[in-house]
Amino acid sequence: MVEWSDELSVNIVSIDNQHKILIGLINEVEHTITSKSNINITDNIFASLTSYIDYHFSKEEYYFELFDYPHKNEHLKEHVCFIIKIENFKENTTNVPTEIKLNEIVTLFEFLKKWIVEHIRDTDKKYEYFFIDRGLG
């Protein structure tokens, strides 16, 4: 499970709240996997997660443009790489046996747990004071 901590806070309430929702969705999928729930439930949670990630990225990218964030291009590259990883996952789990699909989901969610913490801590934290100095908070 990924746990929210002050280390992950960017001290911008709206973004912290979005990050908490993303972590909650990742944890929900992990719970579904570990409790051996129906694979279709995992698919539904995954669909919610990808939808919310799109929403979150669009909000961050809006602020990058609004405030002319100087590290915008590097940050956007991380978003693009992440989206490509998710698209590859979707391709690898379409029309495959349940056992293979479950293994792919477990692998993906191990990646997600690591990615969300590292992305917030190492990439999102870079914009914290930049955005706060511009009145976002």
C-alpha atoms as a PDB file:
ATOM      1  CA  MET A   1       0.000   0.000   0.000  1.00  0.00           C
ATOM      2  CA  VAL A   2       1.080   3.551  -0.671  1.00  0.00           C
ATOM      3  CA  GLU A   3       0.548   5.815   2.301  1.00  0.00           C
ATOM      4  CA  TRP A   4       0.144   9.573   2.137  1.00  0.00           C
ATOM      5  CA  SER A   5       2.742  11.484   4.114  1.00  0.00           C
ATOM      6  CA  ASP A   6       3.953  15.056   4.475  1.00  0.00           C
ATOM      7  CA  GLU A   7       6.931  14.024   2.334  1.00  0.00           C
ATOM      8  CA  LEU A   8       4.520  13.748  -0.606  1.00  0.00           C
ATOM      9  CA  SER A   9       2.799  17.084  -0.025  1.00  0.00           C
ATOM     10  CA  VAL A  10       3.446  19.887  -2.505  1.00  0.00           C
ATOM     11  CA  ASN A  11       1.602  22.250  -0.141  1.00  0.00           C
ATOM     12  CA  ILE A  12      -0.973  23.098  -2.791  1.00  0.00           C
ATOM     13  CA  VAL A  13      -4.296  21.849  -1.477  1.00  0.00           C
ATOM     14  CA  SER A  14      -5.943  21.065  -4.821  1.00  0.00           C
ATOM     15  CA  ILE A  15      -2.942  19.116  -6.121  1.00  0.00           C
ATOM     16  CA  ASP A  16      -2.384  17.313  -2.811  1.00  0.00           C
ATOM     17  CA  ASN A  17      -6.048  16.270  -2.855  1.00  0.00           C
ATOM     18  CA  GLN A  18      -5.668  14.946  -6.411  1.00  0.00           C
ATOM     19  CA  HIS A  19      -2.566  13.003  -5.392  1.00  0.00           C
ATOM     20  CA  LYS A  20      -4.441  11.515  -2.426  1.00  0.00           C
ATOM     21  CA  ILE A  21      -7.226  10.351  -4.741  1.00  0.00           C
ATOM     22  CA  LEU A  22      -4.697   8.766  -7.109  1.00  0.00           C
ATOM     23  CA  ILE A  23      -3.003   6.971  -4.221  1.00  0.00           C
ATOM     24  CA  GLY A  24      -6.388   5.781  -2.996  1.00  0.00           C
ATOM     25  CA  LEU A  25      -7.232   4.370  -6.423  1.00  0.00           C
ATOM     26  CA  ILE A  26      -3.874   2.591  -6.653  1.00  0.00           C
ATOM     27  CA  ASN A  27      -4.404   1.131  -3.195  1.00  0.00           C
ATOM     28  CA  GLU A  28      -7.919   0.039  -4.144  1.00  0.00           C
ATOM     29  CA  VAL A  29      -6.582  -1.921  -7.098  1.00  0.00           C
ATOM     30  CA  GLU A  30      -3.911  -3.492  -4.958  1.00  0.00           C
ATOM     31  CA  HIS A  31      -6.554  -4.496  -2.413  1.00  0.00           C
ATOM     32  CA  THR A  32      -8.641  -6.037  -5.179  1.00  0.00           C
ATOM     33  CA  ILE A  33      -5.650  -8.013  -6.435  1.00  0.00           C
ATOM     34  CA  THR A  34      -4.545  -9.240  -3.013  1.00  0.00           C
ATOM     35  CA  SER A  35      -8.073 -10.215  -2.010  1.00  0.00           C
ATOM     36  CA  LYS A  36      -8.354 -12.196  -5.254  1.00  0.00           C
ATOM     37  CA  SER A  37     -11.506 -10.354  -6.263  1.00  0.00           C
ATOM     38  CA  ASN A  38     -13.091 -10.643  -9.662  1.00  0.00           C
ATOM     39  CA  ILE A  39     -10.733  -9.467 -12.414  1.00  0.00           C
ATOM     40  CA  ASN A  40     -13.546  -7.334 -13.870  1.00  0.00           C
ATOM     41  CA  ILE A  41     -13.647  -5.295 -10.675  1.00  0.00           C
ATOM     42  CA  THR A  42      -9.940  -4.604 -11.118  1.00  0.00           C
ATOM     43  CA  ASP A  43     -10.616  -3.540 -14.710  1.00  0.00           C
ATOM     44  CA  ASN A  44     -13.273  -1.088 -13.525  1.00  0.00           C
ATOM     45  CA  ILE A  45     -10.990   0.394 -10.869  1.00  0.00           C
ATOM     46  CA  PHE A  46      -8.202   0.629 -13.443  1.00  0.00           C
ATOM     47  CA  ALA A  47     -10.527   2.518 -15.786  1.00  0.00           C
ATOM     48  CA  SER A  48     -11.312   4.973 -12.985  1.00  0.00           C
ATOM     49  CA  LEU A  49      -7.627   5.358 -12.229  1.00  0.00           C
ATOM     50  CA  THR A  50      -6.640   6.108 -15.831  1.00  0.00           C
ATOM     51  CA  SER A  51      -9.495   8.564 -16.169  1.00  0.00           C
ATOM     52  CA  TYR A  52      -8.445  10.374 -13.009  1.00  0.00           C
ATOM     53  CA  ILE A  53      -4.797  10.421 -14.092  1.00  0.00           C
ATOM     54  CA  ASP A  54      -5.871  12.170 -17.316  1.00  0.00           C
ATOM     55  CA  TYR A  55      -7.764  14.713 -15.236  1.00  0.00           C
ATOM     56  CA  HIS A  56      -4.828  15.285 -12.876  1.00  0.00           C
ATOM     57  CA  PHE A  57      -2.276  15.645 -15.685  1.00  0.00           C
ATOM     58  CA  SER A  58      -4.503  18.159 -17.481  1.00  0.00           C
ATOM     59  CA  LYS A  59      -4.752  20.260 -14.291  1.00  0.00           C
ATOM     60  CA  GLU A  60      -0.984  20.256 -13.793  1.00  0.00           C
ATOM     61  CA  GLU A  61      -0.397  21.064 -17.461  1.00  0.00           C
ATOM     62  CA  TYR A  62      -2.871  23.942 -17.262  1.00  0.00           C
ATOM     63  CA  TYR A  63      -0.805  25.458 -14.431  1.00  0.00           C
ATOM     64  CA  PHE A  64       2.422  24.902 -16.395  1.00  0.00           C
ATOM     65  CA  GLU A  65       1.020  27.034 -19.208  1.00  0.00           C
ATOM     66  CA  LEU A  66      -0.674  29.589 -16.969  1.00  0.00           C
ATOM     67  CA  PHE A  67       2.483  30.315 -14.973  1.00  0.00           C
ATOM     68  CA  ASP A  68       5.027  29.545 -17.733  1.00  0.00           C
ATOM     69  CA  TYR A  69       6.665  26.883 -15.583  1.00  0.00           C
ATOM     70  CA  PRO A  70      10.361  26.647 -16.594  1.00  0.00           C
ATOM     71  CA  HIS A  71      10.588  22.828 -16.155  1.00  0.00           C
ATOM     72  CA  LYS A  72       7.413  22.223 -18.120  1.00  0.00           C
ATOM     73  CA  ASN A  73       9.018  20.230 -20.953  1.00  0.00           C
ATOM     74  CA  GLU A  74      10.805  17.757 -18.674  1.00  0.00           C
ATOM     75  CA  HIS A  75       7.639  17.264 -16.639  1.00  0.00           C
ATOM     76  CA  LEU A  76       5.514  16.762 -19.747  1.00  0.00           C
ATOM     77  CA  LYS A  77       7.958  14.092 -20.969  1.00  0.00           C
ATOM     78  CA  GLU A  78       7.318  12.150 -17.766  1.00  0.00           C
ATOM     79  CA  HIS A  79       3.573  12.415 -18.348  1.00  0.00           C
ATOM     80  CA  VAL A  80       3.960  11.174 -21.932  1.00  0.00           C
ATOM     81  CA  CYS A  81       6.160   8.224 -20.868  1.00  0.00           C
ATOM     82  CA  PHE A  82       3.625   7.322 -18.222  1.00  0.00           C
ATOM     83  CA  ILE A  83       0.732   7.426 -20.701  1.00  0.00           C
ATOM     84  CA  ILE A  84       2.686   5.237 -23.145  1.00  0.00           C
ATOM     85  CA  LYS A  85       3.257   2.699 -20.359  1.00  0.00           C
ATOM     86  CA  ILE A  86      -0.475   2.649 -19.628  1.00  0.00           C
ATOM     87  CA  GLU A  87      -1.354   2.267 -23.319  1.00  0.00           C
ATOM     88  CA  ASN A  88       1.084  -0.656 -23.605  1.00  0.00           C
ATOM     89  CA  PHE A  89      -0.580  -2.235 -20.603  1.00  0.00           C
ATOM     90  CA  LYS A  90      -3.991  -1.936 -22.252  1.00  0.00           C
ATOM     91  CA  GLU A  91      -2.631  -3.596 -25.407  1.00  0.00           C
ATOM     92  CA  ASN A  92      -1.032  -6.410 -23.390  1.00  0.00           C
ATOM     93  CA  THR A  93      -4.255  -7.200 -21.533  1.00  0.00           C
ATOM     94  CA  THR A  94      -6.767  -7.110 -24.348  1.00  0.00           C
ATOM     95  CA  ASN A  95      -8.210 -10.510 -25.204  1.00  0.00           C
ATOM     96  CA  VAL A  96      -5.778 -12.531 -23.101  1.00  0.00           C
ATOM     97  CA  PRO A  97      -6.487 -15.312 -20.599  1.00  0.00           C
ATOM     98  CA  THR A  98      -7.355 -14.202 -17.071  1.00  0.00           C
ATOM     99  CA  GLU A  99      -4.091 -15.583 -15.606  1.00  0.00           C
ATOM    100  CA  ILE A 100      -1.958 -13.502 -17.990  1.00  0.00           C
ATOM    101  CA  LYS A 101      -4.147 -10.469 -17.452  1.00  0.00           C
ATOM    102  CA  LEU A 102      -3.848 -10.767 -13.679  1.00  0.00           C
ATOM    103  CA  ASN A 103      -0.046 -11.068 -13.910  1.00  0.00           C
ATOM    104  CA  GLU A 104       0.072  -7.944 -16.087  1.00  0.00           C
ATOM    105  CA  ILE A 105      -2.138  -6.055 -13.644  1.00  0.00           C
ATOM    106  CA  VAL A 106       0.087  -7.023 -10.717  1.00  0.00           C
ATOM    107  CA  THR A 107       3.185  -5.874 -12.643  1.00  0.00           C
ATOM    108  CA  LEU A 108       1.532  -2.623 -13.648  1.00  0.00           C
ATOM    109  CA  PHE A 109       0.393  -1.792 -10.144  1.00  0.00           C
ATOM    110  CA  GLU A 110       3.846  -2.457  -8.721  1.00  0.00           C
ATOM    111  CA  PHE A 111       5.037   0.082 -11.291  1.00  0.00           C
ATOM    112  CA  LEU A 112       2.258   2.524 -10.331  1.00  0.00           C
ATOM    113  CA  LYS A 113       3.035   2.375  -6.624  1.00  0.00           C
ATOM    114  CA  LYS A 114       6.679   3.152  -7.271  1.00  0.00           C
ATOM    115  CA  TRP A 115       5.968   5.753  -9.962  1.00  0.00           C
ATOM    116  CA  ILE A 116       3.455   7.828  -7.981  1.00  0.00           C
ATOM    117  CA  VAL A 117       5.779   8.232  -4.999  1.00  0.00           C
ATOM    118  CA  GLU A 118       8.861   8.986  -7.092  1.00  0.00           C
ATOM    119  CA  HIS A 119       6.993  11.327  -9.433  1.00  0.00           C
ATOM    120  CA  ILE A 120       5.522  13.388  -6.609  1.00  0.00           C
ATOM    121  CA  ARG A 121       8.690  13.416  -4.515  1.00  0.00           C
ATOM    122  CA  ASP A 122      11.194  14.017  -7.339  1.00  0.00           C
ATOM    123  CA  THR A 123       9.251  15.840 -10.063  1.00  0.00           C
ATOM    124  CA  ASP A 124       6.131  17.498  -8.634  1.00  0.00           C
ATOM    125  CA  LYS A 125       8.039  18.890  -5.648  1.00  0.00           C
ATOM    126  CA  LYS A 126      10.062  20.983  -8.123  1.00  0.00           C
ATOM    127  CA  TYR A 127       7.027  23.149  -8.870  1.00  0.00           C
ATOM    128  CA  GLU A 128       5.907  23.532  -5.257  1.00  0.00           C
ATOM    129  CA  TYR A 129       7.416  26.944  -4.453  1.00  0.00           C
ATOM    130  CA  PHE A 130       7.167  28.154  -8.043  1.00  0.00           C
ATOM    131  CA  PHE A 131       3.379  27.736  -7.964  1.00  0.00           C
ATOM    132  CA  ILE A 132       3.011  28.910  -4.373  1.00  0.00           C
ATOM    133  CA  ASP A 133       4.937  32.102  -5.218  1.00  0.00           C
ATOM    134  CA  ARG A 134       2.347  32.733  -7.938  1.00  0.00           C
ATOM    135  CA  GLY A 135      -0.582  32.464  -5.547  1.00  0.00           C
ATOM    136  CA  LEU A 136      -1.546  28.818  -6.001  1.00  0.00           C
ATOM    137  CA  GLY A 137      -1.966  27.193  -2.655  1.00  0.00           C
END
